[in-house]
Amino acid sequence: MKLTLEIRAAEGGEDAKLLVHDQAAIYQRYAARNGIKASVETRGHL
């Protein structure tokens, strides 16, 4: 099974970017705790 999750920063400038970063970390921790292999692909600027 493969799941692609896309998280984008909307309007909000730096605060929106920080929120996306935090959300990605939450999903990565969830995957690690549940034995799910996760990889991160970034496009654009963080």
C-alpha atoms as a PDB file:
ATOM      1  CA  MET A   1       0.000   0.000   0.000  1.00  0.00           C
ATOM      2  CA  LYS A   2       1.239   3.460  -0.842  1.00  0.00           C
ATOM      3  CA  LEU A   3      -0.167   6.691   0.482  1.00  0.00           C
ATOM      4  CA  THR A   4       0.754  10.128  -0.771  1.00  0.00           C
ATOM      5  CA  LEU A   5      -0.022  13.001   1.540  1.00  0.00           C
ATOM      6  CA  GLU A   6       0.435  16.533   0.320  1.00  0.00           C
ATOM      7  CA  ILE A   7       0.595  19.394   2.787  1.00  0.00           C
ATOM      8  CA  ARG A   8       0.815  22.920   1.425  1.00  0.00           C
ATOM      9  CA  ALA A   9       1.260  26.250   3.067  1.00  0.00           C
ATOM     10  CA  ALA A  10      -1.501  28.629   2.068  1.00  0.00           C
ATOM     11  CA  GLU A  11      -1.641  32.339   2.677  1.00  0.00           C
ATOM     12  CA  GLY A  12      -0.083  33.364   5.934  1.00  0.00           C
ATOM     13  CA  GLY A  13       3.572  33.739   5.140  1.00  0.00           C
ATOM     14  CA  GLU A  14       6.054  32.356   7.614  1.00  0.00           C
ATOM     15  CA  ASP A  15       3.371  31.182  10.054  1.00  0.00           C
ATOM     16  CA  ALA A  16       1.791  28.997   7.373  1.00  0.00           C
ATOM     17  CA  LYS A  17       5.177  27.449   6.550  1.00  0.00           C
ATOM     18  CA  LEU A  18       5.801  26.662  10.205  1.00  0.00           C
ATOM     19  CA  LEU A  19       2.382  25.030  10.514  1.00  0.00           C
ATOM     20  CA  VAL A  20       3.097  22.788   7.509  1.00  0.00           C
ATOM     21  CA  HIS A  21       6.450  21.825   9.016  1.00  0.00           C
ATOM     22  CA  ASP A  22       4.767  20.891  12.309  1.00  0.00           C
ATOM     23  CA  GLN A  23       2.052  18.893  10.543  1.00  0.00           C
ATOM     24  CA  ALA A  24       4.633  16.926   8.566  1.00  0.00           C
ATOM     25  CA  ALA A  25       6.488  16.092  11.793  1.00  0.00           C
ATOM     26  CA  ILE A  26       3.254  14.873  13.392  1.00  0.00           C
ATOM     27  CA  TYR A  27       2.526  12.531  10.465  1.00  0.00           C
ATOM     28  CA  GLN A  28       6.110  11.237  10.506  1.00  0.00           C
ATOM     29  CA  ARG A  29       5.900  10.447  14.235  1.00  0.00           C
ATOM     30  CA  TYR A  30       2.551   8.706  13.696  1.00  0.00           C
ATOM     31  CA  ALA A  31       4.054   6.558  10.957  1.00  0.00           C
ATOM     32  CA  ALA A  32       7.080   5.661  13.077  1.00  0.00           C
ATOM     33  CA  ARG A  33       4.923   4.682  16.060  1.00  0.00           C
ATOM     34  CA  ASN A  34       2.759   2.446  13.890  1.00  0.00           C
ATOM     35  CA  GLY A  35       5.549   0.741  11.968  1.00  0.00           C
ATOM     36  CA  ILE A  36       4.748   2.527   8.722  1.00  0.00           C
ATOM     37  CA  LYS A  37       7.634   3.408   6.447  1.00  0.00           C
ATOM     38  CA  ALA A  38       7.487   7.099   5.623  1.00  0.00           C
ATOM     39  CA  SER A  39       9.566   9.227   3.322  1.00  0.00           C
ATOM     40  CA  VAL A  40       9.494  12.951   2.767  1.00  0.00           C
ATOM     41  CA  GLU A  41       9.644  14.611  -0.603  1.00  0.00           C
ATOM     42  CA  THR A  42       9.888  18.357  -0.594  1.00  0.00           C
ATOM     43  CA  ARG A  43       9.231  20.684  -3.437  1.00  0.00           C
ATOM     44  CA  GLY A  44       9.628  24.386  -3.034  1.00  0.00           C
ATOM     45  CA  HIS A  45      10.892  26.258  -0.030  1.00  0.00           C
ATOM     46  CA  LEU A  46      10.551  25.473   3.660  1.00  0.00           C
END
